[in-house]
Amino acid sequence: MATLQVRSIENQLYEALGRRAARDNRSISQEVIAILKEHLSQPAQHSATEGFMELCGTWKDEKSAKEISRDIRKSRKSKTRFKEVF
């Protein structure tokens, strides 16, 4: 079995681990292993970008990016982005 050593852990975190270990009748080392097992057994979380893309979908097109941007530019009615208002 491998050994894991953690250094420079904040006192507040160590104390919280100690309270949780005591609650579960474990040593701090056993509690850390239980927390890691629980966390790593869960399915991987999606990144925010992946979640956003699942909600909105993606743009699929046979055209290249250059062709798409050219078509967008051609479809514009004016070459000025903002008109002056007086």
PDB file of N, CA and C in Angstrom:
ATOM      1  N   MET A   1       0.826  -1.179   0.000  1.00  0.00           N
ATOM      2  CA  MET A   1       0.000   0.000   0.000  1.00  0.00           C
ATOM      3  C   MET A   1       0.873   1.246   0.000  1.00  0.00           C
ATOM      4  N   ALA A   2       0.404   2.246  -0.683  1.00  0.00           N
ATOM      5  CA  ALA A   2       1.150   3.508  -0.773  1.00  0.00           C
ATOM      6  C   ALA A   2       0.914   4.354   0.477  1.00  0.00           C
ATOM      7  N   THR A   3       1.812   5.282   0.705  1.00  0.00           N
ATOM      8  CA  THR A   3       1.699   6.217   1.819  1.00  0.00           C
ATOM      9  C   THR A   3       1.574   7.620   1.246  1.00  0.00           C
ATOM     10  N   LEU A   4       0.656   8.388   1.816  1.00  0.00           N
ATOM     11  CA  LEU A   4       0.446   9.767   1.382  1.00  0.00           C
ATOM     12  C   LEU A   4       0.726  10.679   2.569  1.00  0.00           C
ATOM     13  N   GLN A   5       1.542  11.690   2.343  1.00  0.00           N
ATOM     14  CA  GLN A   5       1.858  12.650   3.400  1.00  0.00           C
ATOM     15  C   GLN A   5       1.383  14.026   2.942  1.00  0.00           C
ATOM     16  N   VAL A   6       0.657  14.697   3.813  1.00  0.00           N
ATOM     17  CA  VAL A   6       0.153  16.039   3.505  1.00  0.00           C
ATOM     18  C   VAL A   6       0.843  17.019   4.439  1.00  0.00           C
ATOM     19  N   ARG A   7       1.408  18.076   3.873  1.00  0.00           N
ATOM     20  CA  ARG A   7       2.125  19.080   4.667  1.00  0.00           C
ATOM     21  C   ARG A   7       1.408  20.420   4.626  1.00  0.00           C
ATOM     22  N   SER A   8       1.675  21.197   5.614  1.00  0.00           N
ATOM     23  CA  SER A   8       1.191  22.584   5.702  1.00  0.00           C
ATOM     24  C   SER A   8      -0.326  22.684   5.576  1.00  0.00           C
ATOM     25  N   ILE A   9      -1.043  21.823   6.269  1.00  0.00           N
ATOM     26  CA  ILE A   9      -2.503  21.894   6.263  1.00  0.00           C
ATOM     27  C   ILE A   9      -2.926  22.946   7.293  1.00  0.00           C
ATOM     28  N   GLU A  10      -3.897  23.749   6.961  1.00  0.00           N
ATOM     29  CA  GLU A  10      -4.363  24.803   7.864  1.00  0.00           C
ATOM     30  C   GLU A  10      -4.951  24.178   9.123  1.00  0.00           C
ATOM     31  N   ASN A  11      -4.718  24.815  10.268  1.00  0.00           N
ATOM     32  CA  ASN A  11      -5.221  24.311  11.544  1.00  0.00           C
ATOM     33  C   ASN A  11      -6.731  24.125  11.524  1.00  0.00           C
ATOM     34  N   GLN A  12      -7.430  25.079  10.916  1.00  0.00           N
ATOM     35  CA  GLN A  12      -8.888  25.028  10.870  1.00  0.00           C
ATOM     36  C   GLN A  12      -9.366  23.784  10.114  1.00  0.00           C
ATOM     37  N   LEU A  13      -8.717  23.470   9.014  1.00  0.00           N
ATOM     38  CA  LEU A  13      -9.082  22.296   8.235  1.00  0.00           C
ATOM     39  C   LEU A  13      -8.760  21.018   9.001  1.00  0.00           C
ATOM     40  N   TYR A  14      -7.609  20.994   9.639  1.00  0.00           N
ATOM     41  CA  TYR A  14      -7.208  19.813  10.414  1.00  0.00           C
ATOM     42  C   TYR A  14      -8.185  19.564  11.563  1.00  0.00           C
ATOM     43  N   GLU A  15      -8.600  20.625  12.216  1.00  0.00           N
ATOM     44  CA  GLU A  15      -9.563  20.493  13.314  1.00  0.00           C
ATOM     45  C   GLU A  15     -10.910  20.000  12.805  1.00  0.00           C
ATOM     46  N   ALA A  16     -11.335  20.496  11.636  1.00  0.00           N
ATOM     47  CA  ALA A  16     -12.595  20.037  11.044  1.00  0.00           C
ATOM     48  C   ALA A  16     -12.509  18.554  10.694  1.00  0.00           C
ATOM     49  N   LEU A  17     -11.372  18.142  10.164  1.00  0.00           N
ATOM     50  CA  LEU A  17     -11.165  16.714   9.874  1.00  0.00           C
ATOM     51  C   LEU A  17     -11.227  15.892  11.156  1.00  0.00           C
ATOM     52  N   GLY A  18     -10.619  16.418  12.213  1.00  0.00           N
ATOM     53  CA  GLY A  18     -10.642  15.723  13.504  1.00  0.00           C
ATOM     54  C   GLY A  18     -12.054  15.565  14.041  1.00  0.00           C
ATOM     55  N   ARG A  19     -12.874  16.619  13.929  1.00  0.00           N
ATOM     56  CA  ARG A  19     -14.270  16.543  14.395  1.00  0.00           C
ATOM     57  C   ARG A  19     -15.052  15.518  13.576  1.00  0.00           C
ATOM     58  N   ARG A  20     -14.846  15.557  12.263  1.00  0.00           N
ATOM     59  CA  ARG A  20     -15.566  14.613  11.395  1.00  0.00           C
ATOM     60  C   ARG A  20     -15.109  13.175  11.667  1.00  0.00           C
ATOM     61  N   ALA A  21     -13.825  12.982  11.869  1.00  0.00           N
ATOM     62  CA  ALA A  21     -13.301  11.648  12.170  1.00  0.00           C
ATOM     63  C   ALA A  21     -13.888  11.132  13.486  1.00  0.00           C
ATOM     64  N   ALA A  22     -13.940  12.004  14.504  1.00  0.00           N
ATOM     65  CA  ALA A  22     -14.498  11.609  15.795  1.00  0.00           C
ATOM     66  C   ALA A  22     -15.974  11.231  15.648  1.00  0.00           C
ATOM     67  N   ARG A  23     -16.696  11.991  14.864  1.00  0.00           N
ATOM     68  CA  ARG A  23     -18.117  11.712  14.639  1.00  0.00           C
ATOM     69  C   ARG A  23     -18.307  10.329  14.027  1.00  0.00           C
ATOM     70  N   ASP A  24     -17.398   9.951  13.111  1.00  0.00           N
ATOM     71  CA  ASP A  24     -17.505   8.669  12.408  1.00  0.00           C
ATOM     72  C   ASP A  24     -16.674   7.560  13.069  1.00  0.00           C
ATOM     73  N   ASN A  25     -16.148   7.833  14.268  1.00  0.00           N
ATOM     74  CA  ASN A  25     -15.317   6.860  14.997  1.00  0.00           C
ATOM     75  C   ASN A  25     -14.150   6.365  14.157  1.00  0.00           C
ATOM     76  N   ARG A  26     -13.433   7.294  13.538  1.00  0.00           N
ATOM     77  CA  ARG A  26     -12.262   6.971  12.722  1.00  0.00           C
ATOM     78  C   ARG A  26     -11.082   7.834  13.155  1.00  0.00           C
ATOM     79  N   SER A  27      -9.907   7.411  12.724  1.00  0.00           N
ATOM     80  CA  SER A  27      -8.739   8.279  12.878  1.00  0.00           C
ATOM     81  C   SER A  27      -8.806   9.329  11.770  1.00  0.00           C
ATOM     82  N   ILE A  28      -8.001  10.358  11.892  1.00  0.00           N
ATOM     83  CA  ILE A  28      -7.990  11.383  10.841  1.00  0.00           C
ATOM     84  C   ILE A  28      -7.545  10.770   9.519  1.00  0.00           C
ATOM     85  N   SER A  29      -6.547   9.893   9.557  1.00  0.00           N
ATOM     86  CA  SER A  29      -6.084   9.234   8.323  1.00  0.00           C
ATOM     87  C   SER A  29      -7.201   8.415   7.679  1.00  0.00           C
ATOM     88  N   GLN A  30      -7.933   7.662   8.490  1.00  0.00           N
ATOM     89  CA  GLN A  30      -9.044   6.863   7.960  1.00  0.00           C
ATOM     90  C   GLN A  30     -10.130   7.763   7.378  1.00  0.00           C
ATOM     91  N   GLU A  31     -10.360   8.899   8.042  1.00  0.00           N
ATOM     92  CA  GLU A  31     -11.385   9.831   7.552  1.00  0.00           C
ATOM     93  C   GLU A  31     -10.988  10.436   6.211  1.00  0.00           C
ATOM     94  N   VAL A  32      -9.732  10.809   6.063  1.00  0.00           N
ATOM     95  CA  VAL A  32      -9.251  11.367   4.796  1.00  0.00           C
ATOM     96  C   VAL A  32      -9.417  10.335   3.684  1.00  0.00           C
ATOM     97  N   ILE A  33      -9.075   9.083   3.958  1.00  0.00           N
ATOM     98  CA  ILE A  33      -9.227   8.020   2.956  1.00  0.00           C
ATOM     99  C   ILE A  33     -10.694   7.847   2.587  1.00  0.00           C
ATOM    100  N   ALA A  34     -11.590   7.872   3.583  1.00  0.00           N
ATOM    101  CA  ALA A  34     -13.026   7.731   3.310  1.00  0.00           C
ATOM    102  C   ALA A  34     -13.537   8.886   2.449  1.00  0.00           C
ATOM    103  N   ILE A  35     -13.092  10.106   2.751  1.00  0.00           N
ATOM    104  CA  ILE A  35     -13.503  11.283   1.971  1.00  0.00           C
ATOM    105  C   ILE A  35     -13.007  11.158   0.533  1.00  0.00           C
ATOM    106  N   LEU A  36     -11.752  10.770   0.358  1.00  0.00           N
ATOM    107  CA  LEU A  36     -11.199  10.614  -0.994  1.00  0.00           C
ATOM    108  C   LEU A  36     -11.934   9.536  -1.771  1.00  0.00           C
ATOM    109  N   LYS A  37     -12.205   8.389  -1.131  1.00  0.00           N
ATOM    110  CA  LYS A  37     -12.931   7.306  -1.807  1.00  0.00           C
ATOM    111  C   LYS A  37     -14.312   7.771  -2.246  1.00  0.00           C
ATOM    112  N   GLU A  38     -15.008   8.465  -1.328  1.00  0.00           N
ATOM    113  CA  GLU A  38     -16.355   8.959  -1.640  1.00  0.00           C
ATOM    114  C   GLU A  38     -16.321   9.928  -2.821  1.00  0.00           C
ATOM    115  N   HIS A  39     -15.395  10.842  -2.777  1.00  0.00           N
ATOM    116  CA  HIS A  39     -15.305  11.852  -3.842  1.00  0.00           C
ATOM    117  C   HIS A  39     -14.926  11.218  -5.184  1.00  0.00           C
ATOM    118  N   LEU A  40     -13.944  10.341  -5.168  1.00  0.00           N
ATOM    119  CA  LEU A  40     -13.456   9.762  -6.425  1.00  0.00           C
ATOM    120  C   LEU A  40     -14.389   8.709  -6.999  1.00  0.00           C
ATOM    121  N   SER A  41     -15.306   8.196  -6.209  1.00  0.00           N
ATOM    122  CA  SER A  41     -16.252   7.198  -6.732  1.00  0.00           C
ATOM    123  C   SER A  41     -17.421   7.849  -7.464  1.00  0.00           C
ATOM    124  N   GLN A  42     -17.592   9.151  -7.284  1.00  0.00           N
ATOM    125  CA  GLN A  42     -18.670   9.866  -7.967  1.00  0.00           C
ATOM    126  C   GLN A  42     -18.272  10.143  -9.410  1.00  0.00           C
ATOM    127  N   PRO A  43     -19.270  10.183 -10.321  1.00  0.00           N
ATOM    128  CA  PRO A  43     -18.937  10.503 -11.722  1.00  0.00           C
ATOM    129  C   PRO A  43     -18.275  11.869 -11.822  1.00  0.00           C
ATOM    130  N   ALA A  44     -17.410  12.004 -12.797  1.00  0.00           N
ATOM    131  CA  ALA A  44     -16.689  13.260 -13.004  1.00  0.00           C
ATOM    132  C   ALA A  44     -17.674  14.387 -13.279  1.00  0.00           C
ATOM    133  N   GLN A  45     -17.404  15.529 -12.690  1.00  0.00           N
ATOM    134  CA  GLN A  45     -18.226  16.721 -12.905  1.00  0.00           C
ATOM    135  C   GLN A  45     -17.850  17.366 -14.230  1.00  0.00           C
ATOM    136  N   HIS A  46     -18.835  17.915 -14.918  1.00  0.00           N
ATOM    137  CA  HIS A  46     -18.554  18.643 -16.150  1.00  0.00           C
ATOM    138  C   HIS A  46     -18.028  20.020 -15.808  1.00  0.00           C
ATOM    139  N   SER A  47     -17.224  20.558 -16.690  1.00  0.00           N
ATOM    140  CA  SER A  47     -16.777  21.934 -16.491  1.00  0.00           C
ATOM    141  C   SER A  47     -17.945  22.864 -16.796  1.00  0.00           C
ATOM    142  N   ALA A  48     -17.832  24.104 -16.388  1.00  0.00           N
ATOM    143  CA  ALA A  48     -18.885  25.086 -16.651  1.00  0.00           C
ATOM    144  C   ALA A  48     -19.115  25.234 -18.150  1.00  0.00           C
ATOM    145  N   THR A  49     -18.052  25.194 -18.932  1.00  0.00           N
ATOM    146  CA  THR A  49     -18.186  25.325 -20.381  1.00  0.00           C
ATOM    147  C   THR A  49     -18.948  24.140 -20.961  1.00  0.00           C
ATOM    148  N   GLU A  50     -18.613  22.931 -20.512  1.00  0.00           N
ATOM    149  CA  GLU A  50     -19.328  21.754 -21.015  1.00  0.00           C
ATOM    150  C   GLU A  50     -20.809  21.815 -20.651  1.00  0.00           C
ATOM    151  N   GLY A  51     -21.093  22.245 -19.416  1.00  0.00           N
ATOM    152  CA  GLY A  51     -22.484  22.376 -18.985  1.00  0.00           C
ATOM    153  C   GLY A  51     -23.233  23.390 -19.818  1.00  0.00           C
ATOM    154  N   PHE A  52     -22.587  24.507 -20.112  1.00  0.00           N
ATOM    155  CA  PHE A  52     -23.201  25.535 -20.947  1.00  0.00           C
ATOM    156  C   PHE A  52     -23.490  24.996 -22.344  1.00  0.00           C
ATOM    157  N   MET A  53     -22.513  24.283 -22.907  1.00  0.00           N
ATOM    158  CA  MET A  53     -22.689  23.743 -24.252  1.00  0.00           C
ATOM    159  C   MET A  53     -23.814  22.699 -24.298  1.00  0.00           C
ATOM    160  N   GLU A  54     -23.981  21.928 -23.225  1.00  0.00           N
ATOM    161  CA  GLU A  54     -25.077  20.961 -23.179  1.00  0.00           C
ATOM    162  C   GLU A  54     -26.419  21.671 -23.168  1.00  0.00           C
ATOM    163  N   LEU A  55     -26.482  22.809 -22.479  1.00  0.00           N
ATOM    164  CA  LEU A  55     -27.736  23.552 -22.420  1.00  0.00           C
ATOM    165  C   LEU A  55     -28.080  24.207 -23.750  1.00  0.00           C
ATOM    166  N   CYS A  56     -27.083  24.761 -24.434  1.00  0.00           N
ATOM    167  CA  CYS A  56     -27.365  25.518 -25.649  1.00  0.00           C
ATOM    168  C   CYS A  56     -27.084  24.776 -26.941  1.00  0.00           C
ATOM    169  N   GLY A  57     -26.342  23.727 -26.879  1.00  0.00           N
ATOM    170  CA  GLY A  57     -25.983  23.034 -28.112  1.00  0.00           C
ATOM    171  C   GLY A  57     -24.752  23.658 -28.741  1.00  0.00           C
ATOM    172  N   THR A  58     -24.376  23.138 -29.845  1.00  0.00           N
ATOM    173  CA  THR A  58     -23.207  23.654 -30.548  1.00  0.00           C
ATOM    174  C   THR A  58     -23.577  23.974 -31.978  1.00  0.00           C
ATOM    175  N   TRP A  59     -22.760  24.730 -32.620  1.00  0.00           N
ATOM    176  CA  TRP A  59     -22.973  25.112 -33.994  1.00  0.00           C
ATOM    177  C   TRP A  59     -22.189  24.156 -34.864  1.00  0.00           C
ATOM    178  N   LYS A  60     -22.896  23.435 -35.726  1.00  0.00           N
ATOM    179  CA  LYS A  60     -22.214  22.523 -36.637  1.00  0.00           C
ATOM    180  C   LYS A  60     -22.493  22.993 -38.055  1.00  0.00           C
ATOM    181  N   ASP A  61     -21.450  23.130 -38.833  1.00  0.00           N
ATOM    182  CA  ASP A  61     -21.580  23.617 -40.197  1.00  0.00           C
ATOM    183  C   ASP A  61     -20.450  23.030 -41.025  1.00  0.00           C
ATOM    184  N   GLU A  62     -20.723  22.789 -42.275  1.00  0.00           N
ATOM    185  CA  GLU A  62     -19.701  22.252 -43.176  1.00  0.00           C
ATOM    186  C   GLU A  62     -18.732  23.337 -43.635  1.00  0.00           C
ATOM    187  N   LYS A  63     -19.149  24.603 -43.479  1.00  0.00           N
ATOM    188  CA  LYS A  63     -18.306  25.715 -43.919  1.00  0.00           C
ATOM    189  C   LYS A  63     -17.146  25.924 -42.957  1.00  0.00           C
ATOM    190  N   SER A  64     -16.095  26.496 -43.480  1.00  0.00           N
ATOM    191  CA  SER A  64     -14.959  26.838 -42.621  1.00  0.00           C
ATOM    192  C   SER A  64     -15.293  28.102 -41.834  1.00  0.00           C
ATOM    193  N   ALA A  65     -14.507  28.380 -40.814  1.00  0.00           N
ATOM    194  CA  ALA A  65     -14.715  29.592 -40.019  1.00  0.00           C
ATOM    195  C   ALA A  65     -14.598  30.834 -40.886  1.00  0.00           C
ATOM    196  N   LYS A  66     -13.679  30.805 -41.840  1.00  0.00           N
ATOM    197  CA  LYS A  66     -13.499  31.942 -42.749  1.00  0.00           C
ATOM    198  C   LYS A  66     -14.757  32.180 -43.587  1.00  0.00           C
ATOM    199  N   GLU A  67     -15.324  31.094 -44.111  1.00  0.00           N
ATOM    200  CA  GLU A  67     -16.541  31.220 -44.930  1.00  0.00           C
ATOM    201  C   GLU A  67     -17.714  31.730 -44.102  1.00  0.00           C
ATOM    202  N   ILE A  68     -17.843  31.246 -42.895  1.00  0.00           N
ATOM    203  CA  ILE A  68     -18.937  31.686 -42.023  1.00  0.00           C
ATOM    204  C   ILE A  68     -18.803  33.172 -41.715  1.00  0.00           C
ATOM    205  N   SER A  69     -17.597  33.609 -41.341  1.00  0.00           N
ATOM    206  CA  SER A  69     -17.426  35.035 -41.025  1.00  0.00           C
ATOM    207  C   SER A  69     -17.635  35.902 -42.266  1.00  0.00           C
ATOM    208  N   ARG A  70     -17.240  35.411 -43.444  1.00  0.00           N
ATOM    209  CA  ARG A  70     -17.479  36.166 -44.680  1.00  0.00           C
ATOM    210  C   ARG A  70     -18.981  36.317 -44.921  1.00  0.00           C
ATOM    211  N   ASP A  71     -19.749  35.237 -44.730  1.00  0.00           N
ATOM    212  CA  ASP A  71     -21.200  35.302 -44.916  1.00  0.00           C
ATOM    213  C   ASP A  71     -21.856  36.258 -43.930  1.00  0.00           C
ATOM    214  N   ILE A  72     -21.366  36.261 -42.699  1.00  0.00           N
ATOM    215  CA  ILE A  72     -21.924  37.179 -41.695  1.00  0.00           C
ATOM    216  C   ILE A  72     -21.660  38.615 -42.099  1.00  0.00           C
ATOM    217  N   ARG A  73     -20.442  38.902 -42.536  1.00  0.00           N
ATOM    218  CA  ARG A  73     -20.116  40.268 -42.967  1.00  0.00           C
ATOM    219  C   ARG A  73     -20.968  40.691 -44.162  1.00  0.00           C
ATOM    220  N   LYS A  74     -21.164  39.790 -45.118  1.00  0.00           N
ATOM    221  CA  LYS A  74     -21.971  40.120 -46.308  1.00  0.00           C
ATOM    222  C   LYS A  74     -23.421  40.413 -45.947  1.00  0.00           C
ATOM    223  N   SER A  75     -23.936  39.744 -44.907  1.00  0.00           N
ATOM    224  CA  SER A  75     -25.341  39.913 -44.553  1.00  0.00           C
ATOM    225  C   SER A  75     -25.618  41.208 -43.794  1.00  0.00           C
ATOM    226  N   ARG A  76     -24.582  41.893 -43.353  1.00  0.00           N
ATOM    227  CA  ARG A  76     -24.776  43.144 -42.627  1.00  0.00           C
ATOM    228  C   ARG A  76     -25.267  44.233 -43.559  1.00  0.00           C
ATOM    229  N   LYS A  77     -26.161  45.050 -43.040  1.00  0.00           N
ATOM    230  CA  LYS A  77     -26.750  46.105 -43.853  1.00  0.00           C
ATOM    231  C   LYS A  77     -25.873  47.342 -43.897  1.00  0.00           C
ATOM    232  N   SER A  78     -25.067  47.549 -42.883  1.00  0.00           N
ATOM    233  CA  SER A  78     -24.222  48.721 -42.815  1.00  0.00           C
ATOM    234  C   SER A  78     -22.833  48.308 -42.358  1.00  0.00           C
ATOM    235  N   LYS A  79     -21.846  49.048 -42.814  1.00  0.00           N
ATOM    236  CA  LYS A  79     -20.481  48.727 -42.403  1.00  0.00           C
ATOM    237  C   LYS A  79     -20.117  49.412 -41.102  1.00  0.00           C
ATOM    238  N   THR A  80     -20.939  50.370 -40.675  1.00  0.00           N
ATOM    239  CA  THR A  80     -20.660  51.032 -39.404  1.00  0.00           C
ATOM    240  C   THR A  80     -21.413  50.303 -38.301  1.00  0.00           C
ATOM    241  N   ARG A  81     -20.728  50.063 -37.264  1.00  0.00           N
ATOM    242  CA  ARG A  81     -21.321  49.288 -36.184  1.00  0.00           C
ATOM    243  C   ARG A  81     -22.327  50.117 -35.385  1.00  0.00           C
ATOM    244  N   PHE A  82     -21.979  51.364 -35.107  1.00  0.00           N
ATOM    245  CA  PHE A  82     -22.844  52.239 -34.362  1.00  0.00           C
ATOM    246  C   PHE A  82     -23.083  53.506 -35.156  1.00  0.00           C
ATOM    247  N   LYS A  83     -24.318  53.927 -35.204  1.00  0.00           N
ATOM    248  CA  LYS A  83     -24.645  55.175 -35.887  1.00  0.00           C
ATOM    249  C   LYS A  83     -24.693  56.304 -34.858  1.00  0.00           C
ATOM    250  N   GLU A  84     -24.235  57.453 -35.287  1.00  0.00           N
ATOM    251  CA  GLU A  84     -24.288  58.601 -34.387  1.00  0.00           C
ATOM    252  C   GLU A  84     -25.733  59.049 -34.232  1.00  0.00           C
ATOM    253  N   VAL A  85     -26.093  59.349 -33.017  1.00  0.00           N
ATOM    254  CA  VAL A  85     -27.449  59.804 -32.739  1.00  0.00           C
ATOM    255  C   VAL A  85     -27.354  61.214 -32.154  1.00  0.00           C
ATOM    256  N   PHE A  86     -28.025  62.193 -32.847  1.00  0.00           N
ATOM    257  CA  PHE A  86     -28.021  63.575 -32.364  1.00  0.00           C
ATOM    258  C   PHE A  86     -29.429  64.070 -32.182  1.00  0.00           C
TER     259      PHE A  86
END
